[in-house]
PDB file of N, CA and C in Angstrom:
ATOM      1  N   UNK A   1      72.585  34.830 148.296  1.00  0.00           N
ATOM      2  CA  UNK A   1      73.830  34.681 147.561  1.00  0.00           C
ATOM      3  C   UNK A   1      73.148  33.332 146.540  1.00  0.00           C
ATOM      4  N   UNK A   2      73.571  34.436 145.073  1.00  0.00           N
ATOM      5  CA  UNK A   2      72.831  33.324 144.163  1.00  0.00           C
ATOM      6  C   UNK A   2      74.609  32.680 143.749  1.00  0.00           C
ATOM      7  N   UNK A   3      74.174  31.994 142.793  1.00  0.00           N
ATOM      8  CA  UNK A   3      75.777  31.007 141.873  1.00  0.00           C
ATOM      9  C   UNK A   3      76.649  32.140 141.850  1.00  0.00           C
ATOM     10  N   UNK A   4      76.658  32.688 140.927  1.00  0.00           N
ATOM     11  CA  UNK A   4      77.016  34.046 140.659  1.00  0.00           C
ATOM     12  C   UNK A   4      77.506  35.110 141.279  1.00  0.00           C
ATOM     13  N   UNK A   5      77.357  35.190 142.353  1.00  0.00           N
ATOM     14  CA  UNK A   5      78.143  36.176 142.956  1.00  0.00           C
ATOM     15  C   UNK A   5      78.826  35.327 144.091  1.00  0.00           C
ATOM     16  N   UNK A   6      78.910  33.635 143.929  1.00  0.00           N
ATOM     17  CA  UNK A   6      79.543  32.926 144.321  1.00  0.00           C
ATOM     18  C   UNK A   6      80.987  32.642 143.823  1.00  0.00           C
ATOM     19  N   UNK A   7      82.066  32.441 145.504  1.00  0.00           N
ATOM     20  CA  UNK A   7      83.329  32.582 145.137  1.00  0.00           C
ATOM     21  C   UNK A   7      83.616  30.924 145.380  1.00  0.00           C
ATOM     22  N   UNK A   8      84.010  30.573 144.607  1.00  0.00           N
ATOM     23  CA  UNK A   8      84.351  29.314 143.776  1.00  0.00           C
ATOM     24  C   UNK A   8      86.254  28.572 143.591  1.00  0.00           C
ATOM     25  N   UNK A   9      87.171  27.949 144.504  1.00  0.00           N
ATOM     26  CA  UNK A   9      88.050  27.602 144.494  1.00  0.00           C
ATOM     27  C   UNK A   9      87.658  26.233 143.920  1.00  0.00           C
ATOM     28  N   UNK A  10      88.877  25.793 142.945  1.00  0.00           N
ATOM     29  CA  UNK A  10      89.321  24.769 142.273  1.00  0.00           C
ATOM     30  C   UNK A  10      90.358  23.991 142.961  1.00  0.00           C
ATOM     31  N   UNK A  11      90.641  22.904 143.445  1.00  0.00           N
ATOM     32  CA  UNK A  11      91.734  22.462 144.253  1.00  0.00           C
ATOM     33  C   UNK A  11      92.177  21.473 143.649  1.00  0.00           C
ATOM     34  N   UNK A  12      93.025  21.189 142.629  1.00  0.00           N
ATOM     35  CA  UNK A  12      92.996  20.045 141.606  1.00  0.00           C
ATOM     36  C   UNK A  12      94.295  19.730 141.682  1.00  0.00           C
ATOM     37  N   UNK A  13      95.323  19.156 141.266  1.00  0.00           N
ATOM     38  CA  UNK A  13      96.515  18.999 141.116  1.00  0.00           C
ATOM     39  C   UNK A  13      96.960  18.305 138.633  1.00  0.00           C
ATOM     40  N   UNK A  14      95.203  18.622 138.515  1.00  0.00           N
ATOM     41  CA  UNK A  14      95.162  18.155 137.185  1.00  0.00           C
ATOM     42  C   UNK A  14      94.878  19.014 136.229  1.00  0.00           C
ATOM     43  N   UNK A  15      95.329  19.185 135.246  1.00  0.00           N
ATOM     44  CA  UNK A  15      95.084  20.199 134.240  1.00  0.00           C
ATOM     45  C   UNK A  15      93.732  20.488 134.819  1.00  0.00           C
ATOM     46  N   UNK A  16      92.289  19.105 134.820  1.00  0.00           N
ATOM     47  CA  UNK A  16      90.980  19.944 134.237  1.00  0.00           C
ATOM     48  C   UNK A  16      90.471  21.210 135.209  1.00  0.00           C
ATOM     49  N   UNK A  17      92.186  21.491 136.540  1.00  0.00           N
ATOM     50  CA  UNK A  17      91.392  22.360 137.331  1.00  0.00           C
ATOM     51  C   UNK A  17      91.111  23.862 136.310  1.00  0.00           C
ATOM     52  N   UNK A  18      92.440  24.071 135.430  1.00  0.00           N
ATOM     53  CA  UNK A  18      92.441  24.955 135.358  1.00  0.00           C
ATOM     54  C   UNK A  18      91.466  25.093 134.043  1.00  0.00           C
ATOM     55  N   UNK A  19      90.953  24.246 133.534  1.00  0.00           N
ATOM     56  CA  UNK A  19      89.500  23.952 132.274  1.00  0.00           C
ATOM     57  C   UNK A  19      88.218  24.699 133.712  1.00  0.00           C
ATOM     58  N   UNK A  20      87.979  24.075 134.346  1.00  0.00           N
ATOM     59  CA  UNK A  20      87.340  23.552 135.853  1.00  0.00           C
ATOM     60  C   UNK A  20      86.400  25.150 135.600  1.00  0.00           C
ATOM     61  N   UNK A  21      88.467  26.016 136.235  1.00  0.00           N
ATOM     62  CA  UNK A  21      88.153  27.233 136.950  1.00  0.00           C
ATOM     63  C   UNK A  21      87.605  28.396 135.157  1.00  0.00           C
ATOM     64  N   UNK A  22      88.299  27.946 134.276  1.00  0.00           N
ATOM     65  CA  UNK A  22      87.884  28.824 133.183  1.00  0.00           C
ATOM     66  C   UNK A  22      86.850  28.789 132.719  1.00  0.00           C
ATOM     67  N   UNK A  23      86.227  27.362 132.931  1.00  0.00           N
ATOM     68  CA  UNK A  23      84.276  27.059 131.841  1.00  0.00           C
ATOM     69  C   UNK A  23      83.338  27.836 133.220  1.00  0.00           C
ATOM     70  N   UNK A  24      83.841  28.025 134.764  1.00  0.00           N
ATOM     71  CA  UNK A  24      83.381  28.491 136.297  1.00  0.00           C
ATOM     72  C   UNK A  24      82.872  29.978 135.605  1.00  0.00           C
ATOM     73  N   UNK A  25      84.814  30.786 135.136  1.00  0.00           N
ATOM     74  CA  UNK A  25      83.708  31.961 134.939  1.00  0.00           C
ATOM     75  C   UNK A  25      83.783  32.633 133.569  1.00  0.00           C
ATOM     76  N   UNK A  26      83.184  31.725 133.085  1.00  0.00           N
ATOM     77  CA  UNK A  26      82.773  32.211 131.590  1.00  0.00           C
ATOM     78  C   UNK A  26      81.128  32.124 131.863  1.00  0.00           C
ATOM     79  N   UNK A  27      80.726  31.854 132.725  1.00  0.00           N
ATOM     80  CA  UNK A  27      79.153  31.737 133.078  1.00  0.00           C
ATOM     81  C   UNK A  27      78.879  32.868 134.429  1.00  0.00           C
ATOM     82  N   UNK A  28      80.355  33.690 134.558  1.00  0.00           N
ATOM     83  CA  UNK A  28      79.929  34.849 135.328  1.00  0.00           C
ATOM     84  C   UNK A  28      80.101  34.372 136.825  1.00  0.00           C
ATOM     85  N   UNK A  29      80.698  33.674 137.061  1.00  0.00           N
ATOM     86  CA  UNK A  29      81.302  33.285 138.819  1.00  0.00           C
ATOM     87  C   UNK A  29      82.842  32.968 138.761  1.00  0.00           C
ATOM     88  N   UNK A  30      83.127  34.005 140.189  1.00  0.00           N
ATOM     89  CA  UNK A  30      84.023  33.864 140.574  1.00  0.00           C
ATOM     90  C   UNK A  30      85.633  32.250 140.384  1.00  0.00           C
ATOM     91  N   UNK A  31      86.168  32.449 140.117  1.00  0.00           N
ATOM     92  CA  UNK A  31      86.650  31.341 140.624  1.00  0.00           C
ATOM     93  C   UNK A  31      88.369  31.591 140.416  1.00  0.00           C
ATOM     94  N   UNK A  32      89.167  30.310 140.979  1.00  0.00           N
ATOM     95  CA  UNK A  32      90.660  29.939 140.912  1.00  0.00           C
ATOM     96  C   UNK A  32      91.113  28.935 141.215  1.00  0.00           C
ATOM     97  N   UNK A  33      91.893  28.980 140.342  1.00  0.00           N
ATOM     98  CA  UNK A  33      92.439  27.194 140.576  1.00  0.00           C
ATOM     99  C   UNK A  33      93.861  26.532 141.503  1.00  0.00           C
ATOM    100  N   UNK A  34      93.463  26.344 142.656  1.00  0.00           N
ATOM    101  CA  UNK A  34      95.152  26.574 142.897  1.00  0.00           C
ATOM    102  C   UNK A  34      95.700  24.377 142.816  1.00  0.00           C
ATOM    103  N   UNK A  35      96.818  24.971 142.499  1.00  0.00           N
ATOM    104  CA  UNK A  35      97.100  23.032 142.134  1.00  0.00           C
ATOM    105  C   UNK A  35      97.565  22.072 142.928  1.00  0.00           C
ATOM    106  N   UNK A  36      98.296  22.724 144.392  1.00  0.00           N
ATOM    107  CA  UNK A  36      97.651  21.967 145.711  1.00  0.00           C
ATOM    108  C   UNK A  36      97.085  22.203 146.958  1.00  0.00           C
ATOM    109  N   UNK A  37      96.460  21.541 147.629  1.00  0.00           N
ATOM    110  CA  UNK A  37      96.293  22.243 149.272  1.00  0.00           C
ATOM    111  C   UNK A  37      96.990  23.218 149.357  1.00  0.00           C
ATOM    112  N   UNK A  38      98.442  22.990 149.722  1.00  0.00           N
ATOM    113  CA  UNK A  38      99.180  24.147 150.325  1.00  0.00           C
ATOM    114  C   UNK A  38      99.431  25.744 149.345  1.00  0.00           C
ATOM    115  N   UNK A  39      99.471  25.819 148.736  1.00  0.00           N
ATOM    116  CA  UNK A  39      98.943  26.988 148.095  1.00  0.00           C
ATOM    117  C   UNK A  39      97.392  27.546 147.957  1.00  0.00           C
ATOM    118  N   UNK A  40      96.486  26.813 148.038  1.00  0.00           N
ATOM    119  CA  UNK A  40      95.389  26.666 148.695  1.00  0.00           C
ATOM    120  C   UNK A  40      95.324  27.440 150.115  1.00  0.00           C
ATOM    121  N   UNK A  41      95.623  26.918 150.658  1.00  0.00           N
ATOM    122  CA  UNK A  41      96.253  27.588 152.495  1.00  0.00           C
ATOM    123  C   UNK A  41      96.834  28.854 152.265  1.00  0.00           C
ATOM    124  N   UNK A  42      98.395  28.205 151.617  1.00  0.00           N
ATOM    125  CA  UNK A  42      98.865  30.241 151.564  1.00  0.00           C
ATOM    126  C   UNK A  42      97.898  31.208 151.022  1.00  0.00           C
ATOM    127  N   UNK A  43      96.802  30.646 150.199  1.00  0.00           N
ATOM    128  CA  UNK A  43      96.042  32.325 149.988  1.00  0.00           C
ATOM    129  C   UNK A  43      94.903  32.429 151.176  1.00  0.00           C
ATOM    130  N   UNK A  44      95.014  31.090 151.728  1.00  0.00           N
ATOM    131  CA  UNK A  44      93.738  31.773 152.645  1.00  0.00           C
ATOM    132  C   UNK A  44      94.229  32.705 153.221  1.00  0.00           C
ATOM    133  N   UNK A  45      95.457  31.921 154.153  1.00  0.00           N
ATOM    134  CA  UNK A  45      96.446  33.329 154.912  1.00  0.00           C
ATOM    135  C   UNK A  45      96.886  34.631 154.408  1.00  0.00           C
ATOM    136  N   UNK A  46      97.685  34.003 153.332  1.00  0.00           N
ATOM    137  CA  UNK A  46      97.755  35.893 153.056  1.00  0.00           C
ATOM    138  C   UNK A  46      96.965  36.639 152.741  1.00  0.00           C
ATOM    139  N   UNK A  47      95.504  36.312 152.322  1.00  0.00           N
ATOM    140  CA  UNK A  47      94.402  37.040 151.870  1.00  0.00           C
ATOM    141  C   UNK A  47      92.985  37.379 153.181  1.00  0.00           C
ATOM    142  N   UNK A  48      93.193  36.865 154.336  1.00  0.00           N
ATOM    143  CA  UNK A  48      92.293  37.361 155.063  1.00  0.00           C
ATOM    144  C   UNK A  48      90.861  37.753 153.977  1.00  0.00           C
ATOM    145  N   UNK A  49      90.550  38.196 153.332  1.00  0.00           N
ATOM    146  CA  UNK A  49      89.595  38.753 152.684  1.00  0.00           C
ATOM    147  C   UNK A  49      88.864  36.848 151.432  1.00  0.00           C
ATOM    148  N   UNK A  50      89.859  36.753 151.390  1.00  0.00           N
ATOM    149  CA  UNK A  50      89.628  35.649 150.541  1.00  0.00           C
ATOM    150  C   UNK A  50      89.044  34.929 151.009  1.00  0.00           C
ATOM    151  N   UNK A  51      87.458  34.137 150.818  1.00  0.00           N
ATOM    152  CA  UNK A  51      86.845  33.231 151.824  1.00  0.00           C
ATOM    153  C   UNK A  51      85.589  32.406 150.366  1.00  0.00           C
ATOM    154  N   UNK A  52      86.251  31.242 149.727  1.00  0.00           N
ATOM    155  CA  UNK A  52      84.977  30.848 148.444  1.00  0.00           C
ATOM    156  C   UNK A  52      84.388  30.226 149.690  1.00  0.00           C
ATOM    157  N   UNK A  53      82.899  30.474 148.727  1.00  0.00           N
ATOM    158  CA  UNK A  53      82.037  30.236 149.358  1.00  0.00           C
ATOM    159  C   UNK A  53      81.985  28.679 149.096  1.00  0.00           C
ATOM    160  N   UNK A  54      82.547  27.887 147.369  1.00  0.00           N
ATOM    161  CA  UNK A  54      82.542  26.718 147.499  1.00  0.00           C
ATOM    162  C   UNK A  54      83.552  26.364 147.180  1.00  0.00           C
ATOM    163  N   UNK A  55      84.320  24.728 147.708  1.00  0.00           N
ATOM    164  CA  UNK A  55      85.712  24.747 147.103  1.00  0.00           C
ATOM    165  C   UNK A  55      85.546  23.362 146.457  1.00  0.00           C
ATOM    166  N   UNK A  56      86.157  23.221 145.494  1.00  0.00           N
ATOM    167  CA  UNK A  56      86.220  21.767 144.527  1.00  0.00           C
ATOM    168  C   UNK A  56      87.209  21.254 144.679  1.00  0.00           C
ATOM    169  N   UNK A  57      87.470  20.106 145.154  1.00  0.00           N
ATOM    170  CA  UNK A  57      88.882  19.157 145.726  1.00  0.00           C
ATOM    171  C   UNK A  57      88.966  18.075 145.134  1.00  0.00           C
ATOM    172  N   UNK A  58      90.181  18.141 145.390  1.00  0.00           N
ATOM    173  CA  UNK A  58      90.800  16.442 144.133  1.00  0.00           C
ATOM    174  C   UNK A  58      91.293  15.676 145.753  1.00  0.00           C
ATOM    175  N   UNK A  59      90.389  14.200 145.869  1.00  0.00           N
ATOM    176  CA  UNK A  59      90.750  14.150 147.025  1.00  0.00           C
ATOM    177  C   UNK A  59      92.240  12.775 146.870  1.00  0.00           C
ATOM    178  N   UNK A  60      92.466  13.264 145.803  1.00  0.00           N
ATOM    179  CA  UNK A  60      94.010  12.511 146.073  1.00  0.00           C
ATOM    180  C   UNK A  60      94.705  12.601 145.272  1.00  0.00           C
ATOM    181  N   UNK A  61      95.806  13.787 146.018  1.00  0.00           N
ATOM    182  CA  UNK A  61      96.558  14.300 145.426  1.00  0.00           C
ATOM    183  C   UNK A  61      97.782  14.764 145.893  1.00  0.00           C
ATOM    184  N   UNK A  62      98.800  14.546 146.054  1.00  0.00           N
ATOM    185  CA  UNK A  62     100.248  14.321 145.938  1.00  0.00           C
ATOM    186  C   UNK A  62     100.941  15.903 147.428  1.00  0.00           C
ATOM    187  N   UNK A  63     100.906  15.300 148.488  1.00  0.00           N
ATOM    188  CA  UNK A  63     101.350  16.827 149.499  1.00  0.00           C
ATOM    189  C   UNK A  63     100.233  16.779 150.225  1.00  0.00           C
ATOM    190  N   UNK A  64      99.380  18.051 150.581  1.00  0.00           N
ATOM    191  CA  UNK A  64      98.552  18.571 150.977  1.00  0.00           C
ATOM    192  C   UNK A  64      96.415  17.858 149.951  1.00  0.00           C
ATOM    193  N   UNK A  65      96.379  16.728 150.336  1.00  0.00           N
ATOM    194  CA  UNK A  65      95.319  16.475 149.492  1.00  0.00           C
ATOM    195  C   UNK A  65      94.021  16.899 150.284  1.00  0.00           C
ATOM    196  N   UNK A  66      93.191  16.163 149.840  1.00  0.00           N
ATOM    197  CA  UNK A  66      91.261  16.453 150.142  1.00  0.00           C
ATOM    198  C   UNK A  66      91.078  16.241 150.875  1.00  0.00           C
ATOM    199  N   UNK A  67      91.938  15.212 151.453  1.00  0.00           N
ATOM    200  CA  UNK A  67      91.133  14.801 152.995  1.00  0.00           C
ATOM    201  C   UNK A  67      92.101  15.288 154.137  1.00  0.00           C
ATOM    202  N   UNK A  68      93.141  16.054 153.503  1.00  0.00           N
ATOM    203  CA  UNK A  68      94.153  16.721 154.963  1.00  0.00           C
ATOM    204  C   UNK A  68      92.895  18.275 154.484  1.00  0.00           C
TER     205      UNK A  68
END
């Protein structure tokens, strides 16, 4: 799998998450931003085919954080 075929999830409550996912998409990488861990887990549960190869996460978020 090349990086351009990879699916990336950016899990972060900061505005930089949206900017990061836009930057990745501008380079041909499928990327989605999630505001927190709960939203990301909901997406995984609701869409069994959605399985990112890489997850970029913030370790210090309210609610479900990168350690959970």
